[in-house]
């Protein structure tokens, strides 16, 4: 470009947004050691020629560079570089300024011509496009590096959290097992006879110990799932028999509230290839919740085909308290509880549904919920007939 316009020197200066300055990027005819340290602050002043060049898109053409009073603030740079005349045009994409493309000191101190200006503007447009692409690629690479670092940090934090939860849970289980064991011995009157006032208290100890044991198991399961250490053991599963087994275990709790549990099975329901123990855990959690949050009415388990994905649907329907619409999006979040009053009345820490969702992800299944506050909820589990995941 310098040869085409007979300029002694030329260069590109780019905006450094972080430092709020404009700095040399590439140049010809200038001394490297003199040029590199130069950094001109960006000013917001309509009287400043560089401001108008960058932000108003004006061309700067000065045969005597200090003839414009606005250039006085740049005198130290001008004198250090020995510039006499300048032709500068903005580098911009649309209305976004990137920097300046400039020519200095035409041979023989002749003024830059109209043709020089047109050529400079044409070259500047091409340079701006190339620089914008380069900056975009550099920014994209920077963002990708930052995202990768954040991913590594998040994975490490998750690993440490899972490790911590696992260690704490194991530490809690040891004394808890002792409590369960001693309470069982007391109830069996190994250490002497119990009176009528002591029995309810002992039953309360055992009940709360079981609840705490379940909570520890849930925390361990969640830690395993998040750490990717939960395996899937595939076998043929007969869902009606599995539902009957779980219902039989939960029926003592439902009978205390006079809640019948019915199972409605669609004829010809296929057996599925999946992990029976994990499906059992899912059904236990859903039926336990249904009993917990239902005071009157009934609980119905529907088993039917799922034609969309060659699978089966398992729907647990209750006539309980239901869920408010604004709470539905968060019910599967870890440790989420609808409100304090519900927690105080019904207990729980908000892990059951989170574990159900994670287990279904492992089993390549889905869960959907329909609920009307005050009337009840239906949780529908969707499972493929054949699960392809095994590890």
Protein backbone atom coordinates (compact mmCIF):
# COMPACT_ATOMS: atom_id res chain seq x y z
CA UNK A 1 0.00 0.00 0.00
CA UNK A 2 2.87 2.38 0.81
CA UNK A 3 4.38 1.77 -2.61
CA UNK A 4 1.06 2.29 -4.44
CA UNK A 5 0.51 5.66 -2.79
CA UNK A 6 4.21 6.59 -2.51
CA UNK A 7 3.84 6.91 1.27
CA UNK A 8 6.99 6.60 3.35
CA UNK A 9 5.17 4.80 6.17
CA UNK A 10 1.84 3.15 6.90
CA UNK A 11 0.19 1.07 9.57
CA UNK A 12 -2.84 -0.30 11.37
CA UNK A 13 -3.83 0.70 14.90
CA UNK A 14 -6.58 -1.24 16.69
CA UNK A 15 -8.85 -0.44 19.61
CA UNK A 16 -7.97 -2.27 22.84
CA UNK A 17 -11.35 -2.36 24.61
CA UNK A 18 -9.89 -3.71 27.85
CA UNK A 19 -7.41 -0.84 28.16
CA UNK A 20 -9.71 1.76 26.52
CA UNK A 21 -6.89 2.78 24.20
CA UNK A 22 -5.77 2.50 20.60
CA UNK A 23 -2.49 0.67 19.99
CA UNK A 24 -0.23 -0.20 17.02
CA UNK A 25 -1.03 -3.57 15.47
CA UNK A 26 0.99 -3.71 12.23
CA UNK A 27 3.18 -1.09 10.55
CA UNK A 28 5.72 -0.39 7.80
CA UNK A 29 8.53 2.18 7.85
CA UNK A 30 8.48 2.75 11.63
CA UNK A 31 11.05 1.66 14.19
CA UNK A 32 9.83 -1.38 16.17
CA UNK A 33 11.17 -0.25 19.54
CA UNK A 34 9.67 3.21 19.14
CA UNK A 35 6.31 1.99 17.89
CA UNK A 36 5.39 -0.90 20.19
CA UNK A 37 5.10 1.01 23.51
CA UNK A 38 2.75 3.64 22.04
CA UNK A 39 -0.74 3.64 23.51
CA UNK A 40 -3.16 6.52 22.93
CA UNK A 41 -6.15 6.76 25.32
CA UNK A 42 -9.57 6.83 23.69
CA UNK A 43 -11.29 10.15 24.36
CA UNK A 44 -14.98 11.04 24.10
CA UNK A 45 -14.59 14.48 22.54
CA UNK A 46 -16.19 15.71 19.30
CA UNK A 47 -13.27 18.14 18.93
CA UNK A 48 -10.81 15.25 18.78
CA UNK A 49 -9.96 14.19 15.18
CA UNK A 50 -9.26 10.58 16.23
CA UNK A 51 -12.65 10.39 17.98
CA UNK A 52 -14.41 11.66 14.85
CA UNK A 53 -12.38 9.27 12.73
CA UNK A 54 -13.34 6.23 14.86
CA UNK A 55 -16.89 7.06 15.90
CA UNK A 56 -18.14 9.34 13.13
CA UNK A 57 -16.43 7.54 10.24
CA UNK A 58 -14.63 10.69 9.03
CA UNK A 59 -11.45 10.60 6.96
CA UNK A 60 -8.46 12.35 8.52
CA UNK A 61 -6.30 14.07 5.88
CA UNK A 62 -3.74 16.58 7.14
CA UNK A 63 -0.84 17.82 5.04
CA UNK A 64 0.60 19.35 8.19
CA UNK A 65 -0.46 17.02 10.97
CA UNK A 66 -0.33 19.61 13.75
CA UNK A 67 -2.35 22.15 11.75
CA UNK A 68 -5.49 20.71 13.42
CA UNK A 69 -5.59 21.98 17.01
CA UNK A 70 -7.26 18.75 18.06
CA UNK A 71 -4.02 16.89 17.32
CA UNK A 72 -2.15 18.74 20.07
CA UNK A 73 -2.89 16.04 22.63
CA UNK A 74 -1.05 13.60 20.35
CA UNK A 75 2.04 15.86 19.91
CA UNK A 76 4.35 13.59 21.99
CA UNK A 77 3.59 10.61 19.73
CA UNK A 78 3.83 12.70 16.54
CA UNK A 79 7.21 14.16 17.46
CA UNK A 80 8.57 10.81 18.66
CA UNK A 81 7.64 9.21 15.33
CA UNK A 82 8.61 12.21 13.20
CA UNK A 83 5.33 12.34 11.24
CA UNK A 84 4.70 15.37 9.01
CA UNK A 85 1.49 14.47 7.12
CA UNK A 86 -1.19 11.80 7.48
CA UNK A 87 -4.07 10.17 5.65
CA UNK A 88 -6.17 7.98 7.97
CA UNK A 89 -9.47 6.16 7.46
CA UNK A 90 -11.56 4.13 9.93
CA UNK A 91 -11.56 0.36 10.10
CA UNK A 92 -15.13 -0.55 10.91
CA UNK A 93 -17.80 -3.20 10.40
CA UNK A 94 -21.14 -1.48 10.06
CA UNK A 95 -21.07 1.18 12.76
CA UNK A 96 -18.66 -0.74 15.02
CA UNK A 97 -15.15 0.80 15.04
CA UNK A 98 -12.18 -1.56 15.05
CA UNK A 99 -9.28 0.82 14.52
CA UNK A 100 -7.46 3.01 12.00
CA UNK A 101 -5.62 2.43 8.74
CA UNK A 102 -3.15 5.26 8.09
CA UNK A 103 -0.51 6.46 5.58
CA UNK A 104 2.19 8.97 6.54
CA UNK A 105 4.54 11.35 4.66
CA UNK A 106 4.10 10.98 0.92
CA UNK A 107 7.38 11.12 -1.02
CA UNK A 108 8.47 14.65 -1.82
CA UNK A 109 6.00 15.89 0.83
CA UNK A 110 3.30 15.95 -1.83
CA UNK A 111 -0.30 15.86 -0.59
CA UNK A 112 -2.27 12.64 -0.78
CA UNK A 113 -4.59 12.68 -3.78
CA UNK A 114 -8.28 11.90 -4.16
CA UNK A 115 -7.26 8.61 -5.79
CA UNK A 116 -5.05 7.83 -2.75
CA UNK A 117 -8.02 8.42 -0.46
CA UNK A 118 -10.32 6.18 -2.52
CA UNK A 119 -7.72 3.40 -2.65
CA UNK A 120 -7.08 3.69 1.09
CA UNK A 121 -10.79 3.44 1.86
CA UNK A 122 -11.18 0.39 -0.40
CA UNK A 123 -8.22 -1.37 1.25
CA UNK A 124 -9.54 -0.39 4.71
CA UNK A 125 -12.87 -2.09 4.01
CA UNK A 126 -11.10 -5.33 3.14
CA UNK A 127 -8.78 -5.04 6.14
CA UNK A 128 -11.71 -4.42 8.48
CA UNK A 129 -13.42 -7.60 7.31
CA UNK A 130 -10.24 -9.64 7.74
CA UNK A 131 -9.55 -8.15 11.19
CA UNK A 132 -13.14 -8.72 12.33
CA UNK A 133 -12.91 -12.37 11.27
CA UNK A 134 -9.59 -12.75 13.05
CA UNK A 135 -10.95 -11.14 16.24
CA UNK A 136 -14.07 -13.28 16.09
CA UNK A 137 -11.97 -16.43 15.78
CA UNK A 138 -9.70 -15.30 18.64
CA UNK A 139 -12.68 -14.43 20.86
CA UNK A 140 -14.35 -17.73 20.03
CA UNK A 141 -11.18 -19.61 20.93
CA UNK A 142 -10.94 -17.63 24.20
CA UNK A 143 -14.56 -18.37 25.06
CA UNK A 144 -14.06 -22.06 24.26
CA UNK A 145 -10.99 -22.17 26.51
CA UNK A 146 -12.91 -20.48 29.32
CA UNK A 147 -15.87 -22.85 28.88
CA UNK A 148 -13.55 -25.84 28.92
CA UNK A 149 -11.91 -24.56 32.10
CA UNK A 150 -15.33 -23.97 33.69
CA UNK A 151 -16.36 -27.51 32.66
CA UNK A 152 -13.23 -28.96 34.28
CA UNK A 153 -13.84 -26.92 37.45
CA UNK A 154 -17.51 -27.95 37.56
CA UNK A 155 -16.62 -31.63 37.10
CA UNK A 156 -14.02 -31.42 39.86
CA UNK A 157 -16.49 -29.65 42.17
CA UNK A 158 -19.08 -32.33 41.43
CA UNK A 159 -16.53 -35.08 42.09
CA UNK A 160 -15.49 -33.51 45.41
CA UNK A 161 -19.13 -33.02 46.42
CA UNK A 162 -19.99 -36.62 45.60
CA UNK A 163 -16.89 -37.83 47.48
CA UNK A 164 -17.85 -35.71 50.49
CA UNK A 165 -21.47 -36.91 50.47
CA UNK A 166 -20.35 -40.50 50.18
CA UNK A 167 -17.91 -40.21 53.11
CA UNK A 168 -20.40 -38.36 55.32
CA UNK A 169 -23.17 -40.82 54.50
CA UNK A 170 -20.97 -43.78 55.41
CA UNK A 171 -19.93 -42.09 58.64
CA UNK A 172 -23.59 -41.52 59.55
CA UNK A 173 -24.63 -45.06 58.71
CA UNK A 174 -22.30 -46.67 61.29
CA UNK A 175 -23.85 -45.08 64.42
CA UNK A 176 -27.30 -45.32 62.83
CA UNK A 177 -26.94 -49.08 62.44
CA UNK A 178 -26.04 -49.25 66.12
CA UNK A 179 -29.20 -47.28 67.02
CA UNK A 180 -31.35 -49.59 64.89
CA UNK A 181 -29.71 -52.67 66.39
CA UNK A 182 -30.04 -51.58 70.02
CA UNK A 183 -33.64 -50.41 69.54
CA UNK A 184 -34.49 -53.81 68.07
CA UNK A 185 -32.94 -55.55 71.08
CA UNK A 186 -34.88 -53.28 73.42
CA UNK A 187 -38.13 -53.98 71.59
CA UNK A 188 -37.47 -57.70 71.85
CA UNK A 189 -37.03 -57.10 75.61
CA UNK A 190 -33.51 -58.58 75.60
CA UNK A 191 -32.53 -56.09 78.34
CA UNK A 192 -35.75 -56.45 80.31
CA UNK A 193 -39.49 -55.91 80.03
CA UNK A 194 -40.96 -52.73 78.54
CA UNK A 195 -43.91 -50.89 80.00
CA UNK A 196 -46.72 -49.43 77.90
CA UNK A 197 -45.27 -45.89 78.06
CA UNK A 198 -41.89 -47.04 76.69
CA UNK A 199 -43.15 -48.89 73.63
CA UNK A 200 -44.46 -45.86 71.65
CA UNK A 201 -41.19 -44.01 72.32
CA UNK A 202 -39.18 -46.99 71.09
CA UNK A 203 -41.37 -47.28 67.99
CA UNK A 204 -40.68 -43.57 67.32
CA UNK A 205 -36.92 -44.22 67.56
CA UNK A 206 -37.17 -47.08 65.08
CA UNK A 207 -39.40 -45.12 62.69
CA UNK A 208 -37.08 -42.10 62.63
CA UNK A 209 -34.04 -44.36 62.29
CA UNK A 210 -35.63 -45.97 59.22
CA UNK A 211 -36.36 -42.52 57.76
CA UNK A 212 -32.78 -41.42 58.35
CA UNK A 213 -31.47 -44.65 56.84
CA UNK A 214 -33.58 -44.03 53.73
CA UNK A 215 -32.28 -40.47 53.52
CA UNK A 216 -28.68 -41.72 53.69
CA UNK A 217 -29.41 -44.29 50.98
CA UNK A 218 -30.92 -41.55 48.81
CA UNK A 219 -27.88 -39.30 49.27
CA UNK A 220 -25.55 -42.18 48.40
CA UNK A 221 -27.60 -43.03 45.31
CA UNK A 222 -27.57 -39.42 44.16
CA UNK A 223 -23.81 -39.20 44.72
CA UNK A 224 -23.30 -42.37 42.66
CA UNK A 225 -25.49 -41.12 39.83
CA UNK A 226 -23.79 -37.70 39.69
CA UNK A 227 -20.36 -39.36 39.76
CA UNK A 228 -21.38 -41.67 36.88
CA UNK A 229 -20.82 -44.77 39.03
CA UNK A 230 -24.38 -46.13 39.00
CA UNK A 231 -24.48 -49.30 36.91
CA UNK A 232 -27.43 -50.71 34.96
CA UNK A 233 -28.11 -54.45 35.25
CA UNK A 234 -30.52 -55.57 32.55
CA UNK A 235 -32.98 -58.43 32.89
CA UNK A 236 -36.53 -59.28 31.89
CA UNK A 237 -38.99 -57.33 34.08
CA UNK A 238 -42.66 -58.24 34.62
CA UNK A 239 -44.09 -54.90 35.70
CA UNK A 240 -47.49 -56.04 37.11
CA UNK A 241 -45.74 -58.47 39.48
CA UNK A 242 -43.25 -55.77 40.50
CA UNK A 243 -46.01 -53.25 41.20
CA UNK A 244 -47.88 -55.84 43.30
CA UNK A 245 -44.71 -56.52 45.30
CA UNK A 246 -44.10 -52.82 46.00
CA UNK A 247 -47.79 -52.18 46.80
CA UNK A 248 -47.76 -55.05 49.30
CA UNK A 249 -44.81 -53.45 51.10
CA UNK A 250 -46.46 -50.01 51.20
CA UNK A 251 -49.99 -51.21 51.98
CA UNK A 252 -49.52 -51.12 55.80
CA UNK A 253 -48.91 -47.35 55.49
CA UNK A 254 -51.86 -46.81 53.16
CA UNK A 255 -54.19 -48.88 55.33
CA UNK A 256 -53.47 -46.62 58.30
CA UNK A 257 -55.03 -43.82 56.22
CA UNK A 258 -57.74 -46.09 54.73
CA UNK A 259 -56.30 -45.59 51.23
CA UNK A 260 -56.82 -48.48 48.80
CA UNK A 261 -54.09 -49.11 46.21
CA UNK A 262 -55.42 -50.47 42.89
CA UNK A 263 -53.46 -51.67 39.87
CA UNK A 264 -55.09 -51.50 36.42
CA UNK A 265 -53.19 -53.48 33.78
CA UNK A 266 -53.84 -53.23 30.05
CA UNK A 267 -54.25 -56.70 28.48
CA UNK A 268 -51.27 -57.91 26.50
CA UNK A 269 -48.78 -55.65 28.26
CA UNK A 270 -45.28 -56.77 27.19
CA UNK A 271 -42.43 -57.59 29.53
CA UNK A 272 -39.55 -55.16 29.30
CA UNK A 273 -35.77 -55.47 29.27
CA UNK A 274 -34.52 -53.12 32.00
CA UNK A 275 -33.04 -52.88 35.52
CA UNK A 276 -35.61 -54.37 37.92
CA UNK A 277 -34.08 -52.98 41.13
CA UNK A 278 -34.05 -49.42 39.79
CA UNK A 279 -37.62 -49.65 38.50
CA UNK A 280 -38.62 -50.98 41.92
CA UNK A 281 -36.95 -47.98 43.57
CA UNK A 282 -38.84 -45.66 41.20
CA UNK A 283 -42.18 -47.29 42.02
CA UNK A 284 -41.43 -47.22 45.77
CA UNK A 285 -40.67 -43.50 45.63
CA UNK A 286 -43.76 -42.64 43.60
CA UNK A 287 -46.15 -44.81 45.65
CA UNK A 288 -44.63 -43.57 48.93
CA UNK A 289 -45.18 -39.97 47.83
CA UNK A 290 -48.73 -40.76 46.78
CA UNK A 291 -49.52 -42.25 50.21
CA UNK A 292 -47.71 -39.43 52.02
CA UNK A 293 -49.57 -36.62 50.27
CA UNK A 294 -53.03 -38.25 50.11
CA UNK A 295 -55.42 -38.13 53.08
CA UNK A 296 -58.55 -39.54 51.49
CA UNK A 297 -59.63 -41.18 48.26
CA UNK A 298 -57.48 -43.81 46.57
CA UNK A 299 -54.23 -44.48 44.73
CA UNK A 300 -54.30 -46.16 41.31
CA UNK A 301 -51.41 -47.56 39.31
CA UNK A 302 -52.09 -47.80 35.56
CA UNK A 303 -49.95 -50.03 33.34
CA UNK A 304 -50.41 -49.66 29.58
CA UNK A 305 -48.47 -49.67 26.32
CA UNK A 306 -46.51 -46.63 25.13
CA UNK A 307 -46.85 -46.86 21.32
CA UNK A 308 -44.72 -43.79 20.50
CA UNK A 309 -41.49 -45.51 21.53
CA UNK A 310 -42.41 -49.18 21.67
CA UNK A 311 -42.56 -49.08 25.45
CA UNK A 312 -44.82 -49.11 28.48
CA UNK A 313 -46.38 -46.44 30.69
CA UNK A 314 -46.59 -46.73 34.46
CA UNK A 315 -48.82 -44.02 35.91
CA UNK A 316 -49.29 -43.44 39.65
CA UNK A 317 -52.49 -41.47 40.23
CA UNK A 318 -53.53 -40.09 43.62
CA UNK A 319 -56.30 -37.92 45.06
CA UNK A 320 -53.98 -35.96 47.32
CA UNK A 321 -53.05 -32.32 47.85
CA UNK A 322 -51.79 -31.79 44.28
CA UNK A 323 -49.14 -29.32 43.15
CA UNK A 324 -49.49 -25.64 42.29
CA UNK A 325 -48.72 -24.81 38.61
CA UNK A 326 -45.84 -22.49 39.58
CA UNK A 327 -44.15 -25.32 41.51
CA UNK A 328 -44.35 -27.96 38.76
CA UNK A 329 -41.17 -26.93 36.85
CA UNK A 330 -39.01 -27.44 39.97
CA UNK A 331 -40.37 -30.58 41.60
CA UNK A 332 -37.58 -32.76 40.14
CA UNK A 333 -34.81 -30.43 41.39
CA UNK A 334 -32.47 -31.84 44.03
CA UNK A 335 -33.51 -30.86 47.59
CA UNK A 336 -36.46 -28.87 46.25
CA UNK A 337 -39.47 -28.64 48.55
CA UNK A 338 -42.71 -26.94 47.63
CA UNK A 339 -42.99 -24.89 50.82
CA UNK A 340 -42.14 -24.96 54.50
CA UNK A 341 -45.66 -25.77 55.67
CA UNK A 342 -45.83 -28.87 53.45
CA UNK A 343 -42.41 -29.99 54.66
CA UNK A 344 -43.39 -29.61 58.31
CA UNK A 345 -46.63 -31.54 57.80
CA UNK A 346 -45.41 -34.35 55.52
CA UNK A 347 -41.63 -34.44 56.08
CA UNK A 348 -38.95 -35.23 53.47
CA UNK A 349 -35.93 -33.34 52.12
CA UNK A 350 -36.72 -33.24 48.42
CA UNK A 351 -34.58 -36.08 47.06
CA UNK A 352 -37.14 -38.72 46.02
CA UNK A 353 -38.32 -37.21 42.72
CA UNK A 354 -34.81 -36.03 41.82
CA UNK A 355 -33.58 -39.62 42.16
CA UNK A 356 -36.56 -40.92 40.13
CA UNK A 357 -35.68 -38.57 37.27
CA UNK A 358 -31.97 -39.50 37.34
CA UNK A 359 -32.75 -43.23 37.46
CA UNK A 360 -35.08 -42.89 34.49
CA UNK A 361 -32.32 -41.10 32.57
CA UNK A 362 -30.12 -44.14 33.20
CA UNK A 363 -32.92 -46.42 32.00
CA UNK A 364 -33.54 -44.33 28.85
CA UNK A 365 -36.98 -43.47 30.15
CA UNK A 366 -38.99 -40.33 30.88
CA UNK A 367 -41.30 -38.99 33.55
CA UNK A 368 -44.24 -36.63 33.14
CA UNK A 369 -46.54 -35.09 35.72
CA UNK A 370 -50.06 -33.73 35.63
CA UNK A 371 -51.48 -32.13 38.75
CA UNK A 372 -54.34 -29.99 39.99
CA UNK A 373 -53.81 -28.27 43.30
CA UNK A 374 -56.21 -29.66 45.89
CA UNK A 375 -57.35 -32.57 43.70
CA UNK A 376 -54.36 -34.82 43.13
CA UNK A 377 -51.45 -35.70 40.85
CA UNK A 378 -50.53 -38.28 38.22
CA UNK A 379 -46.87 -39.19 37.68
CA UNK A 380 -46.37 -41.13 34.45
CA UNK A 381 -43.17 -43.13 33.94
CA UNK A 382 -42.33 -44.06 30.34
CA UNK A 383 -39.97 -47.01 29.80
CA UNK A 384 -38.76 -48.60 26.54
CA UNK A 385 -39.39 -52.30 26.04
CA UNK A 386 -35.71 -52.80 25.28
CA UNK A 387 -33.02 -50.84 27.10
CA UNK A 388 -29.76 -50.55 25.17
CA UNK A 389 -27.68 -49.16 28.08
CA UNK A 390 -25.61 -51.54 30.16
CA UNK A 391 -22.39 -50.77 32.05
